[in-house]
Amino acid sequence: MHAADVLQPLLILPYAGRVLGPLHFGQFAYALSIGWLATTIVDYGFHWTAQRAAASVRHEPAMIASLFAEVTATKAILWFVVTLAGVAASDGLLAVSRPLFLCAMLNAVGGILFPTWLFIALERASQAAVAVVVSRGVALLCFLTMVTSSAHTELAVAIQSSASIAAGFVSLPFIVPIGFSGFRAVTPSAVGMQLRNGWRGFLFTLVERIFVTLPVPLVQHFSGYVAAGQYSIAEKFVNATRPFFRAMWETLLPRVAYCARHDPEAGLVLIRRSLLTLVVGAGFTLFLFFLAPYVIILLFGESFSGAIPIVRVMSVIPLLINANTCTSNLYMFNYGHERAWTFLNVSGLLIFLAAAFLLSPQLSNAAIAVAIAQIARECFVLVVSAGFFLTFGAARARSSATQGDGEARASDVAAGSMLISPTNAQGGRHVRMEYSSVDD
């Protein structure tokens, strides 16, 4: 599923870069970034909170149906509000036309129709994968056959943003039996409850999405569309590694969440084992630094050679994301540090923004400044989340071990008490009397 989500955009990149050109490709990347940011607001972090809630009641169909209906209704309301705000801000606050913005908002519609969070929570990722592969294949075919010049920038944005809508239609046979019955009981109070329950997950998701999508608009703000296009190429190579880490935490999150509630020590063991994947993160880093520059020249040509120093600076990011997935997303989110987890990620965004605005005037290449700001943010999150994991996680492990030893000692004492209890002693006298009478 995640491979298809990454492979299709990567496959169209060389074609889009050559057909649209650096200027219009920068507009294309900028519009998609705005669309993804709007989609994040509509999704409201339900990929975290609703997924965790659904995973804990996976064997209760009525509760699953009710949760699905409430989340879908909440997303629909948020989409209406965000669309009105975006239309009002287009051609002004946002450097994008209203038609282009509406094309980008198709992605948010797909987020409503295609509930990835529900498939993951119910461990039906294979069904979601079918929908994603089909929709991405259709989007790839449409893009290559219909986008033929720089005049088709709006069409290019619309095709890319419609992939999730197609996935929603493909997944309908899987979704209808699961959750459509819950729409009969949706109320405004239930929608309000979802907004209250999901705000921390929304804040984290918004921060993550801003961190992923804001760099391109920032580079455009500092250096124009051409520089934004160069940065976008480098960023796509880095983002191509993210699905591995997303697949990792989507696989482990339901299990760690369950263990955190029922068997905390087993969950900590699972998180410690997940740190072995740092080998994969290191491999991604080496690939981006040494091989990605040659791939950029081969696929995009010399006109996009400005992306090479950017991708080399950003090459360390996959390794940092790998570590943060284990210590922040798996440990802090599930082991009672959700408030600190939220505050940590908001603080990381502020560090990113401060570093970007401070470094951009100092460096000749604003894209390099933004890349360094991204690294600063990931390093900050890693230092703090690793501190939580080493301090509180180790303390919890020691506490569990001490409790286990205490229970063992208590069992030994109880056994000893039973051996010397008056009843046993009396029983022993009866036995000795019986043996004495036999001897007599």
Protein backbone atom coordinates (compact mmCIF):
# COMPACT_ATOMS: atom_id res chain seq x y z
CA MET A 1 0.00 0.00 0.00
CA HIS A 2 2.65 2.52 1.02
CA ALA A 3 4.91 1.39 -1.82
CA ALA A 4 2.18 2.28 -4.33
CA ASP A 5 1.61 5.63 -2.62
CA VAL A 6 5.27 6.48 -3.11
CA LEU A 7 6.01 4.74 -6.40
CA GLN A 8 3.33 6.48 -8.47
CA PRO A 9 4.43 10.05 -7.58
CA LEU A 10 8.05 9.06 -8.18
CA LEU A 11 7.22 7.59 -11.58
CA ILE A 12 5.53 10.78 -12.76
CA LEU A 13 8.26 13.07 -11.43
CA PRO A 14 10.65 12.83 -14.40
CA TYR A 15 7.78 13.19 -16.86
CA ALA A 16 6.19 16.08 -14.96
CA GLY A 17 9.53 17.86 -14.58
CA ARG A 18 10.26 17.70 -18.31
CA VAL A 19 6.73 18.45 -19.55
CA LEU A 20 5.84 21.23 -17.13
CA GLY A 21 9.31 22.78 -16.86
CA PRO A 22 10.93 24.20 -13.69
CA LEU A 23 8.48 27.12 -13.30
CA HIS A 24 5.20 25.23 -13.77
CA PHE A 25 6.53 22.21 -11.94
CA GLY A 26 7.15 24.53 -8.98
CA GLN A 27 3.51 25.68 -9.20
CA PHE A 28 2.40 22.04 -9.40
CA ALA A 29 4.42 21.14 -6.28
CA TYR A 30 3.19 24.24 -4.44
CA ALA A 31 -0.48 23.47 -5.14
CA LEU A 32 -0.09 19.86 -4.00
CA SER A 33 1.56 21.08 -0.78
CA ILE A 34 -1.38 23.37 -0.06
CA GLY A 35 -3.77 20.52 -0.81
CA TRP A 36 -1.99 18.18 1.58
CA LEU A 37 -2.02 20.80 4.30
CA ALA A 38 -5.79 21.25 3.85
CA THR A 39 -6.22 17.46 3.89
CA THR A 40 -4.42 17.28 7.21
CA ILE A 41 -6.91 19.69 8.77
CA VAL A 42 -9.82 17.66 7.39
CA ASP A 43 -8.32 14.38 8.62
CA TYR A 44 -7.97 15.94 12.10
CA GLY A 45 -5.48 13.35 13.35
CA PHE A 46 -8.03 10.51 13.31
CA HIS A 47 -5.32 8.29 11.89
CA TRP A 48 -3.97 8.33 15.45
CA THR A 49 -6.89 8.64 17.83
CA ALA A 50 -9.65 6.87 15.86
CA GLN A 51 -7.26 4.11 14.83
CA ARG A 52 -6.30 3.49 18.45
CA ALA A 53 -9.95 3.52 19.55
CA ALA A 54 -11.00 1.13 16.77
CA ALA A 55 -8.13 -1.25 17.52
CA SER A 56 -9.25 -1.58 21.14
CA VAL A 57 -12.87 -2.49 20.17
CA ARG A 58 -12.13 -4.42 17.00
CA HIS A 59 -14.41 -7.30 18.09
CA GLU A 60 -17.46 -5.06 18.68
CA PRO A 61 -19.09 -4.31 15.29
CA ALA A 62 -21.64 -1.82 16.66
CA MET A 63 -18.96 0.37 18.22
CA ILE A 64 -16.83 0.17 15.06
CA ALA A 65 -19.79 1.27 12.91
CA SER A 66 -20.60 4.15 15.25
CA LEU A 67 -16.98 5.32 15.35
CA PHE A 68 -16.67 5.18 11.56
CA ALA A 69 -19.84 7.20 11.04
CA GLU A 70 -18.90 9.84 13.59
CA VAL A 71 -15.40 10.29 12.15
CA THR A 72 -16.72 10.49 8.57
CA ALA A 73 -19.34 13.09 9.52
CA THR A 74 -16.73 15.16 11.37
CA LYS A 75 -14.40 15.08 8.37
CA ALA A 76 -17.21 16.22 6.04
CA ILE A 77 -17.91 19.26 8.22
CA LEU A 78 -14.23 20.13 8.42
CA TRP A 79 -13.89 19.82 4.63
CA PHE A 80 -16.70 22.34 4.09
CA VAL A 81 -15.09 24.85 6.49
CA VAL A 82 -11.58 24.44 5.05
CA THR A 83 -12.83 24.76 1.47
CA LEU A 84 -14.62 28.03 2.22
CA ALA A 85 -11.53 29.42 3.96
CA GLY A 86 -9.23 28.31 1.14
CA VAL A 87 -11.39 29.81 -1.59
CA ALA A 88 -11.42 33.10 0.30
CA ALA A 89 -7.61 33.04 0.73
CA SER A 90 -6.81 32.06 -2.87
CA ASP A 91 -5.32 34.67 -5.22
CA GLY A 92 -4.26 36.60 -2.14
CA LEU A 93 -2.90 35.05 1.03
CA LEU A 94 -2.26 31.83 -0.90
CA ALA A 95 -0.19 32.14 -4.07
CA VAL A 96 -2.56 29.84 -5.93
CA SER A 97 -5.66 30.45 -8.07
CA ARG A 98 -9.12 29.37 -6.93
CA PRO A 99 -9.47 26.67 -9.63
CA LEU A 100 -6.06 25.27 -8.70
CA PHE A 101 -6.97 25.27 -5.01
CA LEU A 102 -10.24 23.42 -5.68
CA CYS A 103 -8.32 20.84 -7.69
CA ALA A 104 -5.96 20.34 -4.75
CA MET A 105 -8.92 19.95 -2.36
CA LEU A 106 -9.96 16.75 -4.18
CA ASN A 107 -7.35 15.00 -2.04
CA ALA A 108 -9.28 15.92 1.10
CA VAL A 109 -12.47 14.47 -0.40
CA GLY A 110 -10.59 11.22 -0.90
CA GLY A 111 -9.52 11.30 2.74
CA ILE A 112 -13.20 11.22 3.69
CA LEU A 113 -14.15 8.43 1.29
CA PHE A 114 -11.13 6.22 1.96
CA PRO A 115 -10.72 5.50 5.73
CA THR A 116 -7.18 4.16 5.86
CA TRP A 117 -7.22 4.42 9.67
CA LEU A 118 -10.07 1.88 9.90
CA PHE A 119 -8.36 -0.70 7.68
CA ILE A 120 -5.17 -0.44 9.74
CA ALA A 121 -6.99 -0.66 13.08
CA LEU A 122 -8.87 -3.79 12.00
CA GLU A 123 -5.66 -5.26 10.53
CA ARG A 124 -7.15 -5.36 7.04
CA ALA A 125 -4.28 -3.60 5.34
CA SER A 126 -4.47 -5.99 2.38
CA GLN A 127 -7.92 -4.64 1.47
CA ALA A 128 -6.65 -1.07 1.65
CA ALA A 129 -3.66 -2.06 -0.46
CA VAL A 130 -5.94 -3.28 -3.26
CA ALA A 131 -7.73 0.08 -3.37
CA VAL A 132 -4.49 2.08 -3.29
CA VAL A 133 -2.77 0.04 -6.01
CA VAL A 134 -5.76 0.29 -8.35
CA SER A 135 -6.27 4.02 -7.78
CA ARG A 136 -2.59 4.87 -8.16
CA GLY A 137 -2.38 2.83 -11.34
CA VAL A 138 -5.33 4.71 -12.83
CA ALA A 139 -3.82 8.06 -11.76
CA LEU A 140 -0.49 7.17 -13.37
CA LEU A 141 -2.15 6.22 -16.65
CA CYS A 142 -4.26 9.40 -16.71
CA PHE A 143 -1.29 11.62 -15.90
CA LEU A 144 0.94 10.20 -18.62
CA THR A 145 -1.77 10.36 -21.29
CA MET A 146 -3.53 13.63 -20.44
CA VAL A 147 -0.81 15.97 -19.13
CA THR A 148 1.19 16.91 -22.22
CA SER A 149 2.30 20.55 -21.73
CA SER A 150 2.79 23.30 -19.16
CA ALA A 151 -0.76 24.50 -19.92
CA HIS A 152 -2.09 21.41 -18.13
CA THR A 153 -0.87 22.33 -14.65
CA GLU A 154 -4.40 22.39 -13.17
CA LEU A 155 -5.19 19.04 -14.77
CA ALA A 156 -1.98 17.58 -13.32
CA VAL A 157 -2.95 18.73 -9.83
CA ALA A 158 -6.49 17.38 -10.23
CA ILE A 159 -5.29 13.94 -11.36
CA GLN A 160 -2.82 13.57 -8.51
CA SER A 161 -5.35 14.78 -5.95
CA SER A 162 -8.10 12.44 -7.22
CA ALA A 163 -6.18 9.22 -6.53
CA SER A 164 -7.60 8.93 -3.01
CA ILE A 165 -11.15 9.43 -4.35
CA ALA A 166 -10.68 6.47 -6.67
CA ALA A 167 -9.34 4.45 -3.72
CA GLY A 168 -12.49 5.34 -1.78
CA PHE A 169 -14.76 3.99 -4.51
CA VAL A 170 -12.71 0.81 -4.85
CA SER A 171 -12.88 0.22 -1.08
CA LEU A 172 -16.68 0.63 -0.85
CA PRO A 173 -17.37 -3.15 -0.97
CA PHE A 174 -15.13 -3.55 2.08
CA ILE A 175 -16.46 -0.54 3.98
CA VAL A 176 -20.24 -0.95 3.55
CA PRO A 177 -20.50 -4.12 5.68
CA ILE A 178 -18.29 -2.60 8.39
CA GLY A 179 -19.58 0.84 9.15
CA PHE A 180 -22.47 2.26 7.14
CA SER A 181 -25.06 1.19 9.71
CA GLY A 182 -23.56 3.66 12.18
CA PHE A 183 -24.79 6.73 10.27
CA ARG A 184 -28.29 6.25 11.70
CA ALA A 185 -27.07 7.27 15.16
CA VAL A 186 -24.74 10.21 14.34
CA THR A 187 -25.54 13.32 16.41
CA PRO A 188 -23.93 16.78 16.75
CA SER A 189 -22.82 15.85 20.26
CA ALA A 190 -21.02 12.79 18.88
CA VAL A 191 -19.22 14.97 16.34
CA GLY A 192 -18.21 17.35 19.12
CA MET A 193 -16.92 14.44 21.18
CA GLN A 194 -14.75 13.29 18.27
CA LEU A 195 -13.31 16.79 17.95
CA ARG A 196 -12.50 16.88 21.67
CA ASN A 197 -11.01 13.38 21.74
CA GLY A 198 -8.91 13.86 18.64
CA TRP A 199 -7.37 17.29 19.17
CA ARG A 200 -3.99 15.99 20.37
CA GLY A 201 -3.72 13.60 17.46
CA PHE A 202 -4.78 16.43 15.16
CA LEU A 203 -2.16 18.75 16.57
CA PHE A 204 0.56 16.16 16.06
CA THR A 205 -0.62 15.34 12.53
CA LEU A 206 -0.90 19.02 11.66
CA VAL A 207 2.63 19.63 12.89
CA GLU A 208 3.92 16.65 10.92
CA ARG A 209 2.09 17.71 7.78
CA ILE A 210 3.25 21.31 8.12
CA PHE A 211 6.76 20.01 8.58
CA VAL A 212 6.46 17.92 5.41
CA THR A 213 4.54 20.38 3.20
CA LEU A 214 5.65 23.81 4.43
CA PRO A 215 9.28 23.62 3.19
CA VAL A 216 8.26 23.93 -0.47
CA PRO A 217 6.13 27.08 0.13
CA LEU A 218 8.93 28.46 2.34
CA VAL A 219 11.54 27.96 -0.37
CA GLN A 220 9.15 29.55 -2.86
CA HIS A 221 8.73 32.50 -0.49
CA PHE A 222 12.49 32.97 -0.12
CA SER A 223 13.72 32.14 -3.64
CA GLY A 224 10.81 31.69 -6.08
CA TYR A 225 9.18 28.82 -7.97
CA VAL A 226 12.36 27.53 -9.65
CA ALA A 227 14.09 27.00 -6.31
CA ALA A 228 10.88 25.40 -4.97
CA GLY A 229 10.94 22.95 -7.86
CA GLN A 230 14.59 22.05 -7.15
CA TYR A 231 13.80 21.53 -3.47
CA SER A 232 10.72 19.48 -4.33
CA ILE A 233 12.81 17.02 -6.35
CA ALA A 234 15.24 16.50 -3.46
CA GLU A 235 12.39 16.24 -0.98
CA LYS A 236 10.66 13.55 -3.04
CA PHE A 237 13.71 11.32 -2.69
CA VAL A 238 13.72 11.79 1.09
CA ASN A 239 9.96 11.31 1.35
CA ALA A 240 10.26 8.09 -0.62
CA THR A 241 11.77 6.55 2.52
CA ARG A 242 8.90 7.62 4.81
CA PRO A 243 6.47 4.84 3.84
CA PHE A 244 8.82 2.27 5.36
CA PHE A 245 8.68 4.01 8.72
CA ARG A 246 4.96 4.61 8.41
CA ALA A 247 4.39 0.93 7.67
CA MET A 248 6.55 0.08 10.66
CA TRP A 249 4.59 2.15 13.16
CA GLU A 250 1.23 1.21 11.64
CA THR A 251 2.19 -2.44 12.14
CA LEU A 252 3.50 -1.95 15.65
CA LEU A 253 1.16 0.77 16.97
CA PRO A 254 -1.93 -1.45 17.57
CA ARG A 255 0.21 -4.07 19.28
CA VAL A 256 2.15 -1.59 21.41
CA ALA A 257 -1.11 0.19 22.34
CA TYR A 258 -2.63 -3.11 23.43
CA CYS A 259 0.47 -4.14 25.38
CA ALA A 260 0.73 -0.73 27.06
CA ARG A 261 -2.69 -1.36 28.54
CA HIS A 262 -2.45 -5.08 29.32
CA ASP A 263 1.27 -6.03 29.42
CA PRO A 264 3.52 -2.92 29.56
CA GLU A 265 6.78 -4.84 29.77
CA ALA A 266 6.01 -6.77 26.58
CA GLY A 267 5.33 -3.47 24.81
CA LEU A 268 8.69 -2.08 25.92
CA VAL A 269 10.43 -5.19 24.63
CA LEU A 270 8.68 -4.71 21.29
CA ILE A 271 9.83 -1.08 21.11
CA ARG A 272 13.42 -2.03 21.95
CA ARG A 273 13.37 -4.64 19.20
CA SER A 274 12.05 -2.06 16.74
CA LEU A 275 15.30 -0.13 17.22
CA LEU A 276 17.00 -2.82 15.14
CA THR A 277 15.43 -1.16 12.09
CA LEU A 278 17.96 1.65 12.46
CA VAL A 279 20.07 -0.41 10.09
CA VAL A 280 17.47 0.29 7.39
CA GLY A 281 17.49 4.00 8.19
CA ALA A 282 21.27 4.08 7.86
CA GLY A 283 20.99 2.34 4.49
CA PHE A 284 18.55 4.97 3.25
CA THR A 285 20.93 7.71 4.39
CA LEU A 286 23.85 6.22 2.48
CA PHE A 287 21.73 5.82 -0.66
CA LEU A 288 20.56 9.43 -0.59
CA PHE A 289 24.06 10.80 -0.11
CA PHE A 290 25.96 8.71 -2.64
CA LEU A 291 23.48 7.44 -5.26
CA ALA A 292 20.53 9.83 -5.37
CA PRO A 293 22.54 12.59 -7.15
CA TYR A 294 23.22 10.28 -10.09
CA VAL A 295 19.54 9.29 -10.25
CA ILE A 296 18.51 12.96 -10.31
CA ILE A 297 20.77 13.72 -13.28
CA LEU A 298 19.67 10.56 -15.08
CA LEU A 299 15.94 11.15 -14.69
CA PHE A 300 15.59 14.93 -14.68
CA GLY A 301 18.62 16.22 -16.56
CA GLU A 302 21.09 18.98 -15.81
CA SER A 303 18.33 21.58 -15.36
CA PHE A 304 17.55 20.03 -11.96
CA SER A 305 21.16 19.61 -10.81
CA GLY A 306 20.46 22.20 -8.10
CA ALA A 307 18.63 19.46 -6.21
CA ILE A 308 21.86 17.49 -5.64
CA PRO A 309 23.38 19.52 -2.74
CA ILE A 310 19.92 19.68 -1.16
CA VAL A 311 19.38 15.92 -1.18
CA ARG A 312 22.86 15.36 0.27
CA VAL A 313 22.18 17.71 3.17
CA MET A 314 18.83 15.99 3.79
CA SER A 315 20.28 12.48 3.57
CA VAL A 316 20.52 12.10 7.37
CA ILE A 317 16.79 12.70 7.85
CA PRO A 318 15.65 9.06 7.28
CA LEU A 319 17.92 7.83 10.07
CA LEU A 320 16.53 10.46 12.45
CA ILE A 321 12.93 9.64 11.48
CA ASN A 322 13.62 5.97 12.11
CA ALA A 323 14.79 6.62 15.67
CA ASN A 324 11.96 9.08 16.38
CA THR A 325 9.37 6.54 15.23
CA CYS A 326 10.49 4.21 18.00
CA THR A 327 11.08 6.63 20.87
CA SER A 328 8.42 9.26 20.15
CA ASN A 329 5.53 7.73 18.20
CA LEU A 330 5.60 4.25 19.71
CA TYR A 331 6.77 4.94 23.26
CA MET A 332 5.63 8.43 24.25
CA PHE A 333 2.23 8.23 22.53
CA ASN A 334 1.29 4.91 24.17
CA TYR A 335 2.96 5.01 27.59
CA GLY A 336 1.29 7.93 29.34
CA HIS A 337 3.28 10.80 27.83
CA GLU A 338 0.72 11.94 25.24
CA ARG A 339 0.64 15.53 26.50
CA ALA A 340 4.44 15.79 26.47
CA TRP A 341 4.46 14.08 23.07
CA THR A 342 2.14 16.74 21.67
CA PHE A 343 4.12 19.59 23.21
CA LEU A 344 7.37 18.10 21.92
CA ASN A 345 6.19 18.04 18.32
CA VAL A 346 4.78 21.58 18.48
CA SER A 347 8.09 22.76 19.92
CA GLY A 348 9.91 20.95 17.12
CA LEU A 349 7.86 22.84 14.53
CA LEU A 350 8.74 26.15 16.18
CA ILE A 351 12.42 25.21 16.09
CA PHE A 352 12.11 24.37 12.39
CA LEU A 353 10.44 27.71 11.58
CA ALA A 354 12.93 29.70 13.66
CA ALA A 355 15.93 27.96 12.08
CA ALA A 356 14.53 28.40 8.56
CA PHE A 357 13.90 32.13 8.96
CA LEU A 358 17.23 32.72 10.71
CA LEU A 359 19.38 30.74 8.26
CA SER A 360 17.73 31.73 4.97
CA PRO A 361 19.16 35.29 4.95
CA GLN A 362 22.57 33.98 5.98
CA LEU A 363 22.99 31.31 3.28
CA SER A 364 23.09 31.91 -0.45
CA ASN A 365 20.80 28.92 -1.05
CA ALA A 366 17.52 29.19 0.86
CA ALA A 367 16.71 25.55 0.09
CA ILE A 368 19.82 24.45 2.03
CA ALA A 369 18.72 26.62 4.96
CA VAL A 370 15.29 24.97 5.01
CA ALA A 371 16.91 21.51 4.81
CA ILE A 372 19.15 22.29 7.81
CA ALA A 373 16.09 23.55 9.71
CA GLN A 374 14.40 20.18 9.09
CA ILE A 375 17.41 18.36 10.50
CA ALA A 376 17.41 20.62 13.58
CA ARG A 377 13.81 19.75 14.26
CA GLU A 378 14.35 15.98 13.96
CA CYS A 379 17.40 16.15 16.24
CA PHE A 380 15.46 18.05 18.89
CA VAL A 381 12.61 15.51 18.88
CA LEU A 382 15.08 12.62 19.06
CA VAL A 383 17.02 14.02 22.03
CA VAL A 384 13.88 14.65 24.09
CA SER A 385 11.97 11.46 23.17
CA ALA A 386 15.06 9.30 23.69
CA GLY A 387 15.45 10.91 27.12
CA PHE A 388 11.87 9.95 27.98
CA PHE A 389 12.35 6.41 26.73
CA LEU A 390 15.65 5.84 28.56
CA THR A 391 14.46 7.46 31.79
CA PHE A 392 10.83 6.42 32.19
CA GLY A 393 10.91 3.28 30.05
CA ALA A 394 13.89 1.88 31.95
CA ALA A 395 12.27 2.81 35.27
CA ARG A 396 9.08 1.02 34.26
CA ALA A 397 11.10 -2.05 33.27
CA ARG A 398 12.93 -2.04 36.62
CA SER A 399 9.63 -1.59 38.42
CA SER A 400 8.12 -4.56 36.60
CA ALA A 401 11.16 -6.69 37.40
CA THR A 402 11.08 -5.67 41.09
CA GLN A 403 7.37 -6.36 41.26
CA GLY A 404 7.96 -9.78 39.74
CA ASP A 405 10.66 -10.57 42.33
CA GLY A 406 8.40 -9.31 45.10
CA GLU A 407 5.56 -11.54 43.95
CA ALA A 408 7.94 -14.50 43.80
CA ARG A 409 9.18 -13.81 47.34
CA ALA A 410 5.60 -13.41 48.55
CA SER A 411 4.71 -16.78 47.03
CA ASP A 412 7.66 -18.41 48.80
CA VAL A 413 6.65 -16.87 52.12
CA ALA A 414 3.05 -17.97 51.64
CA ALA A 415 4.18 -21.50 50.84
CA GLY A 416 6.37 -21.55 53.92
CA SER A 417 3.52 -20.29 56.08
CA MET A 418 1.30 -23.08 54.85
CA LEU A 419 3.95 -25.64 55.72
CA ILE A 420 4.13 -24.51 59.34
CA SER A 421 0.47 -23.57 59.81
CA PRO A 422 -1.34 -25.04 62.85
CA THR A 423 -3.58 -27.12 60.63
CA ASN A 424 -0.63 -28.73 58.94
CA ALA A 425 1.10 -29.17 62.25
CA GLN A 426 -2.01 -30.87 63.67
CA GLY A 427 -2.22 -33.00 60.57
CA GLY A 428 1.38 -33.97 61.13
CA ARG A 429 0.61 -35.01 64.73
CA HIS A 430 -2.27 -37.18 63.49
CA VAL A 431 0.04 -38.83 61.01
CA ARG A 432 2.67 -39.46 63.69
CA MET A 433 0.00 -40.87 66.01
CA GLU A 434 -1.19 -43.20 63.31
CA TYR A 435 2.34 -44.40 62.67
CA SER A 436 2.80 -44.87 66.44
CA SER A 437 -0.37 -46.94 66.73
CA VAL A 438 0.75 -49.16 63.86
CA ASP A 439 4.09 -49.71 65.53
CA ASP A 440 2.41 -50.65 68.74
